[in-house]
Each structure stands twice: as structure tokens, then as C-alpha cells.
PDB file of N, CA and C in Angstrom:
ATOM      1  N   MET A   1       0.823  -1.179   0.000  1.00  0.00           N
ATOM      2  CA  MET A   1       0.000   0.000   0.000  1.00  0.00           C
ATOM      3  C   MET A   1       0.872   1.249   0.000  1.00  0.00           C
ATOM      4  N   ASN A   2       2.003   1.200   0.678  1.00  0.00           N
ATOM      5  CA  ASN A   2       2.879   2.367   0.707  1.00  0.00           C
ATOM      6  C   ASN A   2       3.344   2.756  -0.689  1.00  0.00           C
ATOM      7  N   PHE A   3       3.624   1.757  -1.525  1.00  0.00           N
ATOM      8  CA  PHE A   3       4.024   2.036  -2.898  1.00  0.00           C
ATOM      9  C   PHE A   3       2.933   2.797  -3.637  1.00  0.00           C
ATOM     10  N   ALA A   4       1.698   2.356  -3.488  1.00  0.00           N
ATOM     11  CA  ALA A   4       0.573   2.999  -4.168  1.00  0.00           C
ATOM     12  C   ALA A   4       0.406   4.441  -3.687  1.00  0.00           C
ATOM     13  N   ILE A   5       0.511   4.656  -2.383  1.00  0.00           N
ATOM     14  CA  ILE A   5       0.366   6.014  -1.833  1.00  0.00           C
ATOM     15  C   ILE A   5       1.465   6.926  -2.356  1.00  0.00           C
ATOM     16  N   LYS A   6       2.702   6.444  -2.348  1.00  0.00           N
ATOM     17  CA  LYS A   6       3.820   7.250  -2.864  1.00  0.00           C
ATOM     18  C   LYS A   6       3.602   7.599  -4.333  1.00  0.00           C
ATOM     19  N   TYR A   7       3.145   6.625  -5.113  1.00  0.00           N
ATOM     20  CA  TYR A   7       2.908   6.855  -6.536  1.00  0.00           C
ATOM     21  C   TYR A   7       1.836   7.929  -6.734  1.00  0.00           C
ATOM     22  N   LEU A   8       0.750   7.837  -5.981  1.00  0.00           N
ATOM     23  CA  LEU A   8      -0.338   8.811  -6.117  1.00  0.00           C
ATOM     24  C   LEU A   8       0.115  10.204  -5.709  1.00  0.00           C
ATOM     25  N   ILE A   9       0.888  10.300  -4.652  1.00  0.00           N
ATOM     26  CA  ILE A   9       1.387  11.606  -4.195  1.00  0.00           C
ATOM     27  C   ILE A   9       2.355  12.200  -5.222  1.00  0.00           C
ATOM     28  N   GLN A  10       3.291  11.395  -5.722  1.00  0.00           N
ATOM     29  CA  GLN A  10       4.278  11.871  -6.694  1.00  0.00           C
ATOM     30  C   GLN A  10       3.626  12.376  -7.970  1.00  0.00           C
ATOM     31  N   ASN A  11       2.503  11.785  -8.334  1.00  0.00           N
ATOM     32  CA  ASN A  11       1.825  12.170  -9.566  1.00  0.00           C
ATOM     33  C   ASN A  11       0.653  13.108  -9.330  1.00  0.00           C
ATOM     34  N   ASN A  12       0.573  13.631  -8.106  1.00  0.00           N
ATOM     35  CA  ASN A  12      -0.441  14.624  -7.744  1.00  0.00           C
ATOM     36  C   ASN A  12      -1.861  14.141  -8.063  1.00  0.00           C
ATOM     37  N   ILE A  13      -2.140  12.905  -7.662  1.00  0.00           N
ATOM     38  CA  ILE A  13      -3.448  12.295  -7.890  1.00  0.00           C
ATOM     39  C   ILE A  13      -4.213  12.265  -6.575  1.00  0.00           C
ATOM     40  N   GLU A  14      -5.428  12.792  -6.588  1.00  0.00           N
ATOM     41  CA  GLU A  14      -6.252  12.764  -5.383  1.00  0.00           C
ATOM     42  C   GLU A  14      -6.685  11.335  -5.093  1.00  0.00           C
ATOM     43  N   TYR A  15      -6.713  10.982  -3.822  1.00  0.00           N
ATOM     44  CA  TYR A  15      -7.128   9.640  -3.435  1.00  0.00           C
ATOM     45  C   TYR A  15      -7.721   9.667  -2.036  1.00  0.00           C
ATOM     46  N   GLU A  16      -8.449   8.623  -1.724  1.00  0.00           N
ATOM     47  CA  GLU A  16      -9.009   8.418  -0.393  1.00  0.00           C
ATOM     48  C   GLU A  16      -8.753   6.976   0.003  1.00  0.00           C
ATOM     49  N   ILE A  17      -8.488   6.768   1.277  1.00  0.00           N
ATOM     50  CA  ILE A  17      -8.312   5.419   1.801  1.00  0.00           C
ATOM     51  C   ILE A  17      -9.417   5.171   2.814  1.00  0.00           C
ATOM     52  N   HIS A  18     -10.100   4.058   2.663  1.00  0.00           N
ATOM     53  CA  HIS A  18     -11.185   3.699   3.576  1.00  0.00           C
ATOM     54  C   HIS A  18     -10.905   2.334   4.168  1.00  0.00           C
ATOM     55  N   ASP A  19     -11.036   2.224   5.475  1.00  0.00           N
ATOM     56  CA  ASP A  19     -10.906   0.932   6.145  1.00  0.00           C
ATOM     57  C   ASP A  19     -12.257   0.239   6.154  1.00  0.00           C
ATOM     58  N   MET A  20     -12.226  -1.054   5.992  1.00  0.00           N
ATOM     59  CA  MET A  20     -13.447  -1.848   6.033  1.00  0.00           C
ATOM     60  C   MET A  20     -13.489  -2.612   7.354  1.00  0.00           C
ATOM     61  N   PRO A  21     -14.665  -2.709   7.958  1.00  0.00           N
ATOM     62  CA  PRO A  21     -14.763  -3.522   9.182  1.00  0.00           C
ATOM     63  C   PRO A  21     -14.596  -5.001   8.837  1.00  0.00           C
ATOM     64  N   LYS A  22     -14.308  -5.791   9.853  1.00  0.00           N
ATOM     65  CA  LYS A  22     -14.148  -7.232   9.625  1.00  0.00           C
ATOM     66  C   LYS A  22     -15.455  -7.809   9.092  1.00  0.00           C
ATOM     67  N   GLY A  23     -15.312  -8.816   8.285  1.00  0.00           N
ATOM     68  CA  GLY A  23     -16.488  -9.453   7.710  1.00  0.00           C
ATOM     69  C   GLY A  23     -16.220  -9.841   6.272  1.00  0.00           C
ATOM     70  N   LYS A  24     -17.258  -9.847   5.482  1.00  0.00           N
ATOM     71  CA  LYS A  24     -17.145 -10.224   4.074  1.00  0.00           C
ATOM     72  C   LYS A  24     -16.629  -9.028   3.284  1.00  0.00           C
ATOM     73  N   ILE A  25     -15.321  -8.968   3.140  1.00  0.00           N
ATOM     74  CA  ILE A  25     -14.662  -7.796   2.568  1.00  0.00           C
ATOM     75  C   ILE A  25     -15.063  -7.572   1.110  1.00  0.00           C
ATOM     76  N   ALA A  26     -15.256  -8.634   0.350  1.00  0.00           N
ATOM     77  CA  ALA A  26     -15.621  -8.467  -1.060  1.00  0.00           C
ATOM     78  C   ALA A  26     -16.990  -7.813  -1.196  1.00  0.00           C
ATOM     79  N   GLU A  27     -17.975  -8.296  -0.447  1.00  0.00           N
ATOM     80  CA  GLU A  27     -19.320  -7.719  -0.514  1.00  0.00           C
ATOM     81  C   GLU A  27     -19.328  -6.283  -0.010  1.00  0.00           C
ATOM     82  N   GLN A  28     -18.566  -6.002   1.047  1.00  0.00           N
ATOM     83  CA  GLN A  28     -18.495  -4.637   1.580  1.00  0.00           C
ATOM     84  C   GLN A  28     -17.864  -3.687   0.567  1.00  0.00           C
ATOM     85  N   THR A  29     -16.851  -4.163  -0.141  1.00  0.00           N
ATOM     86  CA  THR A  29     -16.195  -3.339  -1.155  1.00  0.00           C
ATOM     87  C   THR A  29     -17.155  -3.030  -2.293  1.00  0.00           C
ATOM     88  N   ILE A  30     -17.885  -4.015  -2.746  1.00  0.00           N
ATOM     89  CA  ILE A  30     -18.845  -3.830  -3.835  1.00  0.00           C
ATOM     90  C   ILE A  30     -19.941  -2.855  -3.409  1.00  0.00           C
ATOM     91  N   ASP A  31     -20.467  -3.024  -2.188  1.00  0.00           N
ATOM     92  CA  ASP A  31     -21.494  -2.104  -1.679  1.00  0.00           C
ATOM     93  C   ASP A  31     -20.960  -0.686  -1.591  1.00  0.00           C
ATOM     94  N   PHE A  32     -19.751  -0.527  -1.088  1.00  0.00           N
ATOM     95  CA  PHE A  32     -19.141   0.799  -0.962  1.00  0.00           C
ATOM     96  C   PHE A  32     -19.006   1.459  -2.330  1.00  0.00           C
ATOM     97  N   CYS A  33     -18.546   0.714  -3.307  1.00  0.00           N
ATOM     98  CA  CYS A  33     -18.343   1.281  -4.643  1.00  0.00           C
ATOM     99  C   CYS A  33     -19.647   1.662  -5.317  1.00  0.00           C
ATOM    100  N   THR A  34     -20.682   0.873  -5.118  1.00  0.00           N
ATOM    101  CA  THR A  34     -21.949   1.212  -5.754  1.00  0.00           C
ATOM    102  C   THR A  34     -22.621   2.399  -5.065  1.00  0.00           C
ATOM    103  N   LYS A  35     -22.452   2.539  -3.753  1.00  0.00           N
ATOM    104  CA  LYS A  35     -23.041   3.679  -3.042  1.00  0.00           C
ATOM    105  C   LYS A  35     -22.307   4.977  -3.345  1.00  0.00           C
ATOM    106  N   ASP A  36     -20.983   4.931  -3.325  1.00  0.00           N
ATOM    107  CA  ASP A  36     -20.179   6.145  -3.474  1.00  0.00           C
ATOM    108  C   ASP A  36     -19.682   6.382  -4.890  1.00  0.00           C
ATOM    109  N   GLN A  37     -20.047   5.531  -5.814  1.00  0.00           N
ATOM    110  CA  GLN A  37     -19.664   5.651  -7.214  1.00  0.00           C
ATOM    111  C   GLN A  37     -18.156   5.877  -7.352  1.00  0.00           C
ATOM    112  N   CYS A  38     -17.407   4.864  -7.046  1.00  0.00           N
ATOM    113  CA  CYS A  38     -15.948   4.916  -7.112  1.00  0.00           C
ATOM    114  C   CYS A  38     -15.481   5.159  -8.542  1.00  0.00           C
ATOM    115  N   ASP A  39     -14.356   5.837  -8.651  1.00  0.00           N
ATOM    116  CA  ASP A  39     -13.741   6.057  -9.955  1.00  0.00           C
ATOM    117  C   ASP A  39     -12.804   4.909 -10.332  1.00  0.00           C
ATOM    118  N   LEU A  40     -12.208   4.300  -9.315  1.00  0.00           N
ATOM    119  CA  LEU A  40     -11.230   3.246  -9.548  1.00  0.00           C
ATOM    120  C   LEU A  40     -11.159   2.349  -8.321  1.00  0.00           C
ATOM    121  N   ILE A  41     -10.997   1.060  -8.544  1.00  0.00           N
ATOM    122  CA  ILE A  41     -10.808   0.107  -7.452  1.00  0.00           C
ATOM    123  C   ILE A  41      -9.374  -0.403  -7.543  1.00  0.00           C
ATOM    124  N   LEU A  42      -8.611  -0.221  -6.474  1.00  0.00           N
ATOM    125  CA  LEU A  42      -7.240  -0.708  -6.405  1.00  0.00           C
ATOM    126  C   LEU A  42      -7.240  -1.953  -5.539  1.00  0.00           C
ATOM    127  N   ILE A  43      -6.821  -3.075  -6.119  1.00  0.00           N
ATOM    128  CA  ILE A  43      -6.878  -4.357  -5.426  1.00  0.00           C
ATOM    129  C   ILE A  43      -5.469  -4.910  -5.267  1.00  0.00           C
ATOM    130  N   VAL A  44      -5.156  -5.343  -4.061  1.00  0.00           N
ATOM    131  CA  VAL A  44      -3.908  -6.054  -3.811  1.00  0.00           C
ATOM    132  C   VAL A  44      -4.237  -7.535  -3.884  1.00  0.00           C
ATOM    133  N   THR A  45      -3.597  -8.232  -4.795  1.00  0.00           N
ATOM    134  CA  THR A  45      -3.925  -9.633  -5.006  1.00  0.00           C
ATOM    135  C   THR A  45      -3.174 -10.540  -4.039  1.00  0.00           C
ATOM    136  N   THR A  46      -3.709 -11.729  -3.841  1.00  0.00           N
ATOM    137  CA  THR A  46      -3.094 -12.723  -2.981  1.00  0.00           C
ATOM    138  C   THR A  46      -1.839 -13.264  -3.663  1.00  0.00           C
ATOM    139  N   LYS A  47      -0.721 -13.210  -2.941  1.00  0.00           N
ATOM    140  CA  LYS A  47       0.542 -13.645  -3.535  1.00  0.00           C
ATOM    141  C   LYS A  47       0.626 -15.163  -3.649  1.00  0.00           C
ATOM    142  N   ASN A  48       0.360 -15.844  -2.572  1.00  0.00           N
ATOM    143  CA  ASN A  48       0.445 -17.302  -2.568  1.00  0.00           C
ATOM    144  C   ASN A  48      -0.958 -17.874  -2.390  1.00  0.00           C
ATOM    145  N   ILE A  49      -1.583 -18.224  -3.493  1.00  0.00           N
ATOM    146  CA  ILE A  49      -2.943 -18.746  -3.440  1.00  0.00           C
ATOM    147  C   ILE A  49      -2.899 -20.188  -2.943  1.00  0.00           C
ATOM    148  N   THR A  50      -3.724 -20.483  -1.967  1.00  0.00           N
ATOM    149  CA  THR A  50      -3.788 -21.829  -1.401  1.00  0.00           C
ATOM    150  C   THR A  50      -4.901 -22.628  -2.078  1.00  0.00           C
ATOM    151  N   PHE A  51      -4.974 -23.891  -1.731  1.00  0.00           N
ATOM    152  CA  PHE A  51      -6.029 -24.747  -2.267  1.00  0.00           C
ATOM    153  C   PHE A  51      -7.407 -24.225  -1.863  1.00  0.00           C
ATOM    154  N   ALA A  52      -7.504 -23.705  -0.628  1.00  0.00           N
ATOM    155  CA  ALA A  52      -8.780 -23.145  -0.157  1.00  0.00           C
ATOM    156  C   ALA A  52      -9.200 -21.951  -1.009  1.00  0.00           C
ATOM    157  N   ASP A  53      -8.230 -21.127  -1.421  1.00  0.00           N
ATOM    158  CA  ASP A  53      -8.549 -19.980  -2.287  1.00  0.00           C
ATOM    159  C   ASP A  53      -9.126 -20.449  -3.624  1.00  0.00           C
ATOM    160  N   TYR A  54      -8.595 -21.541  -4.148  1.00  0.00           N
ATOM    161  CA  TYR A  54      -9.135 -22.086  -5.392  1.00  0.00           C
ATOM    162  C   TYR A  54     -10.548 -22.621  -5.205  1.00  0.00           C
ATOM    163  N   MET A  55     -10.792 -23.254  -4.077  1.00  0.00           N
ATOM    164  CA  MET A  55     -12.106 -23.853  -3.821  1.00  0.00           C
ATOM    165  C   MET A  55     -13.156 -22.803  -3.465  1.00  0.00           C
ATOM    166  N   ILE A  56     -12.802 -21.900  -2.573  1.00  0.00           N
ATOM    167  CA  ILE A  56     -13.743 -20.873  -2.104  1.00  0.00           C
ATOM    168  C   ILE A  56     -13.708 -19.648  -3.005  1.00  0.00           C
ATOM    169  N   GLY A  57     -12.527 -19.343  -3.505  1.00  0.00           N
ATOM    170  CA  GLY A  57     -12.346 -18.155  -4.332  1.00  0.00           C
ATOM    171  C   GLY A  57     -11.796 -17.016  -3.506  1.00  0.00           C
ATOM    172  N   ALA A  58     -10.741 -16.413  -3.992  1.00  0.00           N
ATOM    173  CA  ALA A  58     -10.143 -15.275  -3.301  1.00  0.00           C
ATOM    174  C   ALA A  58     -11.051 -14.056  -3.443  1.00  0.00           C
ATOM    175  N   SER A  59     -11.029 -13.189  -2.443  1.00  0.00           N
ATOM    176  CA  SER A  59     -11.902 -11.998  -2.442  1.00  0.00           C
ATOM    177  C   SER A  59     -11.676 -11.123  -3.665  1.00  0.00           C
ATOM    178  N   GLU A  60     -10.412 -10.932  -4.049  1.00  0.00           N
ATOM    179  CA  GLU A  60     -10.141 -10.051  -5.185  1.00  0.00           C
ATOM    180  C   GLU A  60     -10.702 -10.628  -6.483  1.00  0.00           C
ATOM    181  N   GLN A  61     -10.700 -11.935  -6.626  1.00  0.00           N
ATOM    182  CA  GLN A  61     -11.281 -12.545  -7.819  1.00  0.00           C
ATOM    183  C   GLN A  61     -12.788 -12.325  -7.864  1.00  0.00           C
ATOM    184  N   TYR A  62     -13.423 -12.397  -6.707  1.00  0.00           N
ATOM    185  CA  TYR A  62     -14.864 -12.167  -6.626  1.00  0.00           C
ATOM    186  C   TYR A  62     -15.205 -10.725  -7.008  1.00  0.00           C
ATOM    187  N   ILE A  63     -14.418  -9.770  -6.505  1.00  0.00           N
ATOM    188  CA  ILE A  63     -14.663  -8.355  -6.808  1.00  0.00           C
ATOM    189  C   ILE A  63     -14.502  -8.097  -8.301  1.00  0.00           C
ATOM    190  N   ILE A  64     -13.410  -8.586  -8.869  1.00  0.00           N
ATOM    191  CA  ILE A  64     -13.144  -8.363 -10.297  1.00  0.00           C
ATOM    192  C   ILE A  64     -14.248  -8.958 -11.153  1.00  0.00           C
ATOM    193  N   ALA A  65     -14.731 -10.132 -10.787  1.00  0.00           N
ATOM    194  CA  ALA A  65     -15.757 -10.810 -11.579  1.00  0.00           C
ATOM    195  C   ALA A  65     -17.146 -10.224 -11.366  1.00  0.00           C
ATOM    196  N   THR A  66     -17.397  -9.580 -10.221  1.00  0.00           N
ATOM    197  CA  THR A  66     -18.741  -9.153  -9.859  1.00  0.00           C
ATOM    198  C   THR A  66     -19.026  -7.687 -10.158  1.00  0.00           C
ATOM    199  N   VAL A  67     -18.036  -6.823 -10.027  1.00  0.00           N
ATOM    200  CA  VAL A  67     -18.272  -5.383 -10.163  1.00  0.00           C
ATOM    201  C   VAL A  67     -18.251  -4.994 -11.636  1.00  0.00           C
ATOM    202  N   PRO A  68     -19.411  -4.707 -12.217  1.00  0.00           N
ATOM    203  CA  PRO A  68     -19.456  -4.341 -13.631  1.00  0.00           C
ATOM    204  C   PRO A  68     -19.221  -2.847 -13.844  1.00  0.00           C
ATOM    205  N   GLY A  69     -18.463  -2.522 -14.854  1.00  0.00           N
ATOM    206  CA  GLY A  69     -18.323  -1.139 -15.250  1.00  0.00           C
ATOM    207  C   GLY A  69     -17.357  -0.292 -14.451  1.00  0.00           C
ATOM    208  N   TYR A  70     -16.663  -0.864 -13.470  1.00  0.00           N
ATOM    209  CA  TYR A  70     -15.688  -0.097 -12.699  1.00  0.00           C
ATOM    210  C   TYR A  70     -14.293  -0.484 -13.131  1.00  0.00           C
ATOM    211  N   PRO A  71     -13.437   0.495 -13.393  1.00  0.00           N
ATOM    212  CA  PRO A  71     -12.045   0.139 -13.680  1.00  0.00           C
ATOM    213  C   PRO A  71     -11.351  -0.259 -12.393  1.00  0.00           C
ATOM    214  N   TYR A  72     -10.416  -1.171 -12.499  1.00  0.00           N
ATOM    215  CA  TYR A  72      -9.672  -1.597 -11.324  1.00  0.00           C
ATOM    216  C   TYR A  72      -8.217  -1.832 -11.709  1.00  0.00           C
ATOM    217  N   VAL A  73      -7.361  -1.721 -10.731  1.00  0.00           N
ATOM    218  CA  VAL A  73      -5.948  -2.021 -10.875  1.00  0.00           C
ATOM    219  C   VAL A  73      -5.651  -3.150  -9.910  1.00  0.00           C
ATOM    220  N   ALA A  74      -5.099  -4.214 -10.413  1.00  0.00           N
ATOM    221  CA  ALA A  74      -4.785  -5.370  -9.549  1.00  0.00           C
ATOM    222  C   ALA A  74      -3.298  -5.601  -9.538  1.00  0.00           C
TER     223      ALA A  74
END
């Protein structure tokens, strides 16, 4: 996240950071974006995907597949 913040500051890009409460992070992210009409979704992907991630599905994969019409950076 520090890399992303430094990049945004260096390029004079306005940004906001929002913390999500514990729970279903993918659904909360989708709800937040649809309510506040996000311009961009920045997703940090799972580095080492486990067997459980393949079976259940990683949160970032769910967001990318579910959120229509929003640009995202993964």
C-alpha cells in the first residue's frame, strides 16, 4: 500500500483510503463502490494462493468478476 500512496502523491493524484470492518470484505467493497460511485478500485492480489482460495475463491477474484463497469488495478 505504501508504494501505491507514494505513486499517487508523486503524480499529484487525489485519493481516499477507507478501512473496512471485519467481515465479508468483497461484498463490503462492492457495496461501498456502488453507493459512493468509485472512480477506480485498487486491489492487492493474494501472492500465494492456497487450495482453499481455489475452492472458495479469493476476495479479489470475486470483486473483479462481480463489479461491472468499474475500472480496477490489480
